[in-house]
Amino acid sequence: MQNTAIMVAPPAPRFDLRQARAFLAVAEDLHFGRAAAKLFMTQPALSRTIRALEDAVGVALFERSTRRVRLTPAGEAFAAECRLALGHLGRAVGAAKGAAEGQAGRLRVGYMDFAINGRLPLLLQAFRAAHPGVAVDLDYLPTQLQHAALLEGRLDIGFLIGEFASPKVLNLLVDQDDYVALLPEGHALARRERLMVADLAAEPFVVGSEETFSSFRTLLFSVCHGGGFFPRIVQQASNTSGILGMVAAGVGVSIFAGCARNLRRAGVVVKPIADVQETIPIFAAWVSDHPSPVLRRFKDVLVMHAQTGAPARETAQRRRRPLL
């Protein structure tokens, strides 16, 4: 039977950061006395430290004589790697402190159509300008799916329609959108300065699908009910672009959030609805005991940019409390 040799890696040299820093001090000055003074050590103690380091590494790092000290080729190679290693350790310390202070790390943000077409981009720009070391991951999710993602820890914060009424969640009002009518260019109603809800009663409607617009559909149907009708739905779309495209094609009209004004879609006319006083509330929501320092920094930005009087409260208890 043939024996198979097992290769065993030699044990790694054992030395500490104190020895590495002492070595680099000598390598920089090439003088034990000056290096010892910088390190607040005696010269004999520094010499013992360097000898212990050379024993651990297994090679001579310095050539010593009564007249001078210089690095061996092995010492030059060791010095280059030590500088890299200590530089990496310094950056590691900085990264740890930055993460602890919320200046570095990652933030997972959920959003839906009205948020990304409304104030959310401005909020994200303000946060990135203040905290460039934080990576922001954006995840498109309808409001109902954001609820589950927040509770399961897959999102740090979500931007959604209405408050998330959970005992574990805090909410902050960040935007209030009005209702507008979306009409095909050339439609008879497009010539009016503003509309009443009842003006749309006989029109075919394009609306968002139940899968992606369920929260807004509830609000939309309530608005139509207030105008005395239920919308005659002829087409559904899964996103804002689809709704605007179908309206532009003349498939039907729609009632939508006022953020549609920001989209400037050719072939679509946006008209205010005069008799709807309600607004569409866009909330930021997060789990109240979330430990992330990055999230705390993001909430600081939200509070600075939130509308005056926007409530931040624990939804189950309905009591006002400070954010931080």
Protein backbone atom coordinates (compact mmCIF):
# COMPACT_ATOMS: atom_id res chain seq x y z
CA MET A 1 0.00 0.00 0.00
CA GLN A 2 1.34 3.38 -0.99
CA ASN A 3 1.62 5.92 1.81
CA THR A 4 0.13 9.32 1.09
CA ALA A 5 2.05 12.19 2.59
CA ILE A 6 -0.03 14.75 4.41
CA MET A 7 1.25 18.27 4.04
CA VAL A 8 0.92 20.23 7.25
CA ALA A 9 1.29 24.00 7.09
CA PRO A 10 3.92 25.37 9.47
CA PRO A 11 2.52 27.29 12.43
CA ALA A 12 2.18 31.02 11.87
CA PRO A 13 4.75 33.20 13.64
CA ARG A 14 3.47 34.53 16.95
CA PHE A 15 4.10 38.18 17.67
CA ASP A 16 1.95 41.12 18.66
CA LEU A 17 1.18 44.63 17.49
CA ARG A 18 3.51 46.13 20.09
CA GLN A 19 6.44 44.25 18.55
CA ALA A 20 5.41 45.21 15.00
CA ARG A 21 5.18 48.89 15.90
CA ALA A 22 8.55 48.75 17.66
CA PHE A 23 10.07 47.14 14.57
CA LEU A 24 8.67 49.85 12.29
CA ALA A 25 10.00 52.57 14.58
CA VAL A 26 13.51 51.14 14.31
CA ALA A 27 13.08 50.56 10.55
CA GLU A 28 12.15 54.23 10.11
CA ASP A 29 15.01 55.72 12.16
CA LEU A 30 17.58 52.92 11.75
CA HIS A 31 18.69 53.90 15.22
CA PHE A 32 17.70 52.04 18.40
CA GLY A 33 18.26 55.02 20.71
CA ARG A 34 16.02 57.44 18.76
CA ALA A 35 13.37 54.77 18.21
CA ALA A 36 13.36 53.91 21.91
CA ALA A 37 12.83 57.56 22.82
CA LYS A 38 9.84 57.81 20.44
CA LEU A 39 8.36 54.66 21.94
CA PHE A 40 9.05 55.79 25.54
CA MET A 41 11.13 52.66 26.09
CA THR A 42 14.67 52.05 27.23
CA GLN A 43 17.08 51.01 24.52
CA PRO A 44 17.77 47.58 26.13
CA ALA A 45 14.04 46.88 26.33
CA LEU A 46 13.63 47.79 22.64
CA SER A 47 16.55 45.54 21.68
CA ARG A 48 14.95 42.63 23.57
CA THR A 49 11.63 43.30 21.78
CA ILE A 50 13.28 43.21 18.36
CA ARG A 51 15.21 40.03 19.17
CA ALA A 52 11.99 38.34 20.30
CA LEU A 53 10.32 39.42 17.07
CA GLU A 54 13.18 38.03 14.96
CA ASP A 55 12.96 34.76 16.88
CA ALA A 56 9.21 34.60 16.17
CA VAL A 57 9.64 35.37 12.46
CA GLY A 58 12.65 33.09 12.15
CA VAL A 59 14.96 35.43 10.25
CA ALA A 60 17.20 38.41 10.97
CA LEU A 61 15.42 41.69 10.25
CA PHE A 62 18.32 44.06 10.94
CA GLU A 63 22.04 44.07 10.37
CA ARG A 64 23.65 45.62 13.43
CA SER A 65 27.14 46.96 13.93
CA THR A 66 28.71 49.41 16.32
CA ARG A 67 28.46 52.10 13.67
CA ARG A 68 25.06 51.57 12.00
CA VAL A 69 21.80 49.65 11.79
CA ARG A 70 20.18 48.68 8.50
CA LEU A 71 17.38 46.45 7.31
CA THR A 72 18.14 43.06 5.82
CA PRO A 73 16.28 42.14 2.60
CA ALA A 74 13.98 40.09 4.82
CA GLY A 75 13.50 43.14 7.05
CA GLU A 76 12.58 45.35 4.08
CA ALA A 77 9.96 42.86 2.94
CA PHE A 78 8.64 42.49 6.48
CA ALA A 79 8.44 46.27 6.94
CA ALA A 80 6.39 46.72 3.75
CA GLU A 81 3.85 44.13 4.86
CA CYS A 82 3.73 45.45 8.42
CA ARG A 83 2.88 48.94 7.14
CA LEU A 84 0.05 47.48 5.04
CA ALA A 85 -1.24 45.39 7.93
CA LEU A 86 -1.21 48.27 10.40
CA GLY A 87 -2.86 50.50 7.81
CA HIS A 88 -5.65 47.93 7.38
CA LEU A 89 -6.06 47.69 11.13
CA GLY A 90 -6.31 51.46 11.38
CA ARG A 91 -9.03 51.47 8.73
CA ALA A 92 -10.77 48.61 10.54
CA VAL A 93 -10.87 50.68 13.72
CA GLY A 94 -12.25 53.64 11.77
CA ALA A 95 -14.88 51.45 10.12
CA ALA A 96 -15.96 50.02 13.48
CA LYS A 97 -16.27 53.50 15.00
CA GLY A 98 -18.13 54.77 11.93
CA ALA A 99 -20.60 51.88 12.10
CA ALA A 100 -21.13 52.39 15.83
CA GLU A 101 -21.83 56.08 15.24
CA GLY A 102 -24.06 55.49 12.20
CA GLN A 103 -21.55 57.05 9.80
CA ALA A 104 -20.91 53.80 7.93
CA GLY A 105 -22.85 50.65 7.20
CA ARG A 106 -25.93 49.78 5.19
CA LEU A 107 -29.54 50.96 5.25
CA ARG A 108 -32.36 48.91 3.67
CA VAL A 109 -35.22 51.15 2.53
CA GLY A 110 -38.58 49.98 1.23
CA TYR A 111 -40.63 52.25 -1.00
CA MET A 112 -43.76 52.34 -3.12
CA ASP A 113 -44.73 54.39 -6.18
CA PHE A 114 -45.98 57.54 -4.46
CA ALA A 115 -42.93 57.77 -2.19
CA ILE A 116 -40.31 57.45 -4.96
CA ASN A 117 -42.22 59.90 -7.16
CA GLY A 118 -42.69 62.31 -4.26
CA ARG A 119 -40.34 63.48 -1.48
CA LEU A 120 -38.29 60.32 -0.94
CA PRO A 121 -35.56 61.20 -3.51
CA LEU A 122 -34.94 64.52 -1.73
CA LEU A 123 -34.74 62.77 1.65
CA LEU A 124 -32.27 60.23 0.28
CA GLN A 125 -30.13 62.97 -1.27
CA ALA A 126 -30.00 64.81 2.05
CA PHE A 127 -29.03 61.64 3.90
CA ARG A 128 -26.33 60.67 1.39
CA ALA A 129 -24.85 64.17 1.54
CA ALA A 130 -24.65 64.00 5.34
CA HIS A 131 -23.52 60.37 5.54
CA PRO A 132 -21.61 59.39 2.38
CA GLY A 133 -20.17 56.30 4.08
CA VAL A 134 -23.56 54.58 4.31
CA ALA A 135 -24.74 52.34 1.47
CA VAL A 136 -28.49 52.61 0.83
CA ASP A 137 -30.31 49.60 -0.62
CA LEU A 138 -33.71 50.49 -2.16
CA ASP A 139 -36.37 47.78 -2.42
CA TYR A 140 -39.65 48.40 -4.25
CA LEU A 141 -42.52 46.82 -2.31
CA PRO A 142 -46.23 47.65 -2.10
CA THR A 143 -47.42 48.89 1.28
CA GLN A 144 -48.78 45.56 2.52
CA LEU A 145 -45.60 43.69 1.64
CA GLN A 146 -43.53 46.33 3.43
CA HIS A 147 -45.46 45.57 6.62
CA ALA A 148 -44.24 41.97 6.61
CA ALA A 149 -40.70 42.92 5.53
CA LEU A 150 -40.35 45.37 8.42
CA LEU A 151 -41.53 42.90 11.05
CA GLU A 152 -39.33 40.13 9.63
CA GLY A 153 -36.24 42.37 9.64
CA ARG A 154 -35.79 42.44 5.86
CA LEU A 155 -36.19 46.24 5.82
CA ASP A 156 -34.83 48.84 8.20
CA ILE A 157 -37.41 51.46 7.25
CA GLY A 158 -40.33 51.62 4.83
CA PHE A 159 -42.18 54.41 3.04
CA LEU A 160 -45.81 53.47 2.66
CA ILE A 161 -49.40 54.65 2.42
CA GLY A 162 -50.96 55.25 5.82
CA GLU A 163 -49.73 54.36 9.28
CA PHE A 164 -48.56 50.84 10.00
CA ALA A 165 -50.69 50.11 13.07
CA SER A 166 -48.52 47.65 14.97
CA PRO A 167 -47.42 47.74 18.62
CA LYS A 168 -43.85 47.18 17.43
CA VAL A 169 -43.74 50.04 14.92
CA LEU A 170 -43.23 53.80 14.97
CA ASN A 171 -44.53 56.03 12.18
CA LEU A 172 -43.56 59.48 10.95
CA LEU A 173 -45.65 61.45 8.47
CA VAL A 174 -43.30 62.57 5.68
CA ASP A 175 -45.68 63.65 2.92
CA GLN A 176 -49.35 64.35 2.19
CA ASP A 177 -50.33 64.07 -1.45
CA ASP A 178 -53.48 65.46 -3.01
CA TYR A 179 -55.73 63.62 -5.47
CA VAL A 180 -55.58 64.47 -9.15
CA ALA A 181 -57.30 63.28 -12.29
CA LEU A 182 -55.23 61.80 -15.11
CA LEU A 183 -56.77 62.41 -18.53
CA PRO A 184 -55.69 61.62 -22.08
CA GLU A 185 -54.50 64.67 -23.97
CA GLY A 186 -57.40 65.92 -26.06
CA HIS A 187 -60.05 64.58 -23.67
CA ALA A 188 -63.07 66.89 -23.34
CA LEU A 189 -62.46 67.33 -19.59
CA ALA A 190 -58.81 68.28 -20.14
CA ARG A 191 -59.86 71.80 -21.12
CA ARG A 192 -61.21 72.51 -17.64
CA GLU A 193 -59.03 74.17 -15.04
CA ARG A 194 -60.18 71.75 -12.33
CA LEU A 195 -62.67 68.92 -11.97
CA MET A 196 -65.19 67.51 -9.55
CA VAL A 197 -65.09 63.81 -8.73
CA ALA A 198 -68.56 63.32 -10.20
CA ASP A 199 -67.28 64.60 -13.56
CA LEU A 200 -65.48 61.26 -13.93
CA ALA A 201 -68.44 59.04 -13.05
CA ALA A 202 -69.20 57.95 -16.63
CA GLU A 203 -65.56 57.51 -17.67
CA PRO A 204 -63.70 54.20 -18.13
CA PHE A 205 -60.99 53.88 -15.46
CA VAL A 206 -57.41 52.67 -15.48
CA VAL A 207 -56.31 51.71 -11.96
CA GLY A 208 -53.42 50.03 -10.21
CA SER A 209 -53.68 46.30 -9.69
CA GLU A 210 -54.74 44.73 -6.41
CA GLU A 211 -51.31 43.13 -6.02
CA THR A 212 -49.37 46.40 -6.05
CA PHE A 213 -51.93 49.15 -5.31
CA SER A 214 -54.23 47.52 -2.75
CA SER A 215 -53.78 50.26 -0.12
CA PHE A 216 -54.41 53.07 -2.61
CA ARG A 217 -57.37 51.27 -4.23
CA THR A 218 -59.16 51.44 -0.87
CA LEU A 219 -58.64 55.22 -0.79
CA LEU A 220 -59.55 55.60 -4.47
CA PHE A 221 -62.83 53.71 -4.13
CA SER A 222 -63.71 55.85 -1.10
CA VAL A 223 -63.14 59.04 -3.12
CA CYS A 224 -65.31 57.74 -5.95
CA HIS A 225 -68.00 56.67 -3.46
CA GLY A 226 -68.00 60.25 -2.16
CA GLY A 227 -68.73 61.37 -5.72
CA GLY A 228 -71.68 59.01 -5.94
CA PHE A 229 -70.27 56.23 -8.13
CA PHE A 230 -68.01 53.20 -8.30
CA PRO A 231 -65.35 53.40 -11.04
CA ARG A 232 -65.92 51.36 -14.20
CA ILE A 233 -62.51 49.67 -14.40
CA VAL A 234 -61.46 48.70 -17.92
CA GLN A 235 -57.74 48.15 -17.38
CA GLN A 236 -55.32 47.55 -14.49
CA ALA A 237 -51.57 48.10 -14.32
CA SER A 238 -48.93 46.98 -11.85
CA ASN A 239 -47.03 50.28 -11.71
CA THR A 240 -47.27 54.01 -12.29
CA SER A 241 -45.64 53.86 -15.73
CA GLY A 242 -48.28 51.38 -16.87
CA ILE A 243 -51.13 53.55 -15.60
CA LEU A 244 -49.75 56.66 -17.31
CA GLY A 245 -49.10 54.77 -20.52
CA MET A 246 -52.65 53.46 -20.71
CA VAL A 247 -54.11 56.89 -19.97
CA ALA A 248 -51.87 58.39 -22.69
CA ALA A 249 -53.17 55.72 -25.09
CA GLY A 250 -56.75 56.78 -24.41
CA VAL A 251 -57.74 53.55 -22.65
CA GLY A 252 -59.34 55.48 -19.80
CA VAL A 253 -58.90 58.08 -17.08
CA SER A 254 -57.57 57.65 -13.57
CA ILE A 255 -57.56 59.23 -10.15
CA PHE A 256 -54.03 59.28 -8.78
CA ALA A 257 -51.70 60.95 -6.31
CA GLY A 258 -50.50 64.48 -7.02
CA CYS A 259 -46.92 63.24 -7.37
CA ALA A 260 -47.95 62.46 -10.95
CA ARG A 261 -47.15 66.12 -11.65
CA ASN A 262 -43.46 65.25 -11.23
CA LEU A 263 -43.55 62.66 -14.02
CA ARG A 264 -44.50 64.86 -17.02
CA ARG A 265 -45.72 62.02 -19.21
CA ALA A 266 -46.42 63.02 -22.82
CA GLY A 267 -50.06 62.50 -23.73
CA VAL A 268 -51.30 62.77 -20.13
CA VAL A 269 -52.98 65.84 -18.62
CA VAL A 270 -53.02 66.20 -14.81
CA LYS A 271 -55.96 68.10 -13.32
CA PRO A 272 -56.72 68.95 -9.68
CA ILE A 273 -59.94 67.63 -8.14
CA ALA A 274 -61.63 70.52 -6.36
CA ASP A 275 -64.07 68.72 -4.07
CA VAL A 276 -61.69 66.21 -2.44
CA GLN A 277 -60.29 67.57 0.80
CA GLU A 278 -58.66 64.35 1.94
CA THR A 279 -54.99 63.72 1.29
CA ILE A 280 -52.92 60.60 0.74
CA PRO A 281 -50.66 60.22 3.80
CA ILE A 282 -47.16 58.84 3.17
CA PHE A 283 -45.49 57.56 6.32
CA ALA A 284 -42.04 56.34 7.17
CA ALA A 285 -42.30 53.29 9.44
CA TRP A 286 -39.71 51.31 11.39
CA VAL A 287 -39.61 48.78 14.21
CA SER A 288 -39.35 50.77 17.44
CA ASP A 289 -36.53 48.73 19.02
CA HIS A 290 -34.41 48.53 15.88
CA PRO A 291 -30.78 48.73 17.09
CA SER A 292 -29.15 50.17 13.95
CA PRO A 293 -27.10 53.39 14.51
CA VAL A 294 -27.45 54.04 10.76
CA LEU A 295 -31.24 54.03 11.11
CA ARG A 296 -30.97 56.56 13.94
CA ARG A 297 -28.97 58.85 11.65
CA PHE A 298 -31.57 58.45 8.90
CA LYS A 299 -34.37 59.32 11.32
CA ASP A 300 -32.48 62.52 12.19
CA VAL A 301 -32.67 63.51 8.51
CA LEU A 302 -36.36 62.60 8.34
CA VAL A 303 -37.19 64.71 11.38
CA MET A 304 -35.35 67.71 9.91
CA HIS A 305 -37.20 67.42 6.61
CA ALA A 306 -40.60 66.19 7.81
CA GLN A 307 -43.58 68.44 7.50
CA THR A 308 -44.33 70.73 10.43
CA GLY A 309 -46.31 68.89 13.06
CA ALA A 310 -45.73 65.45 11.56
CA PRO A 311 -46.53 62.89 14.28
CA ALA A 312 -44.07 60.28 15.44
CA ARG A 313 -45.77 57.89 17.79
CA GLU A 314 -46.01 54.31 18.89
CA THR A 315 -49.10 53.31 16.98
CA ALA A 316 -50.48 50.76 19.39
CA GLN A 317 -50.52 53.16 22.33
CA ARG A 318 -51.25 56.31 20.30
CA ARG A 319 -49.07 58.42 22.53
CA ARG A 320 -46.56 61.02 21.46
CA ARG A 321 -42.98 60.22 22.22
CA PRO A 322 -39.59 61.56 21.12
CA LEU A 323 -37.98 59.88 18.12
CA LEU A 324 -34.52 59.50 19.58
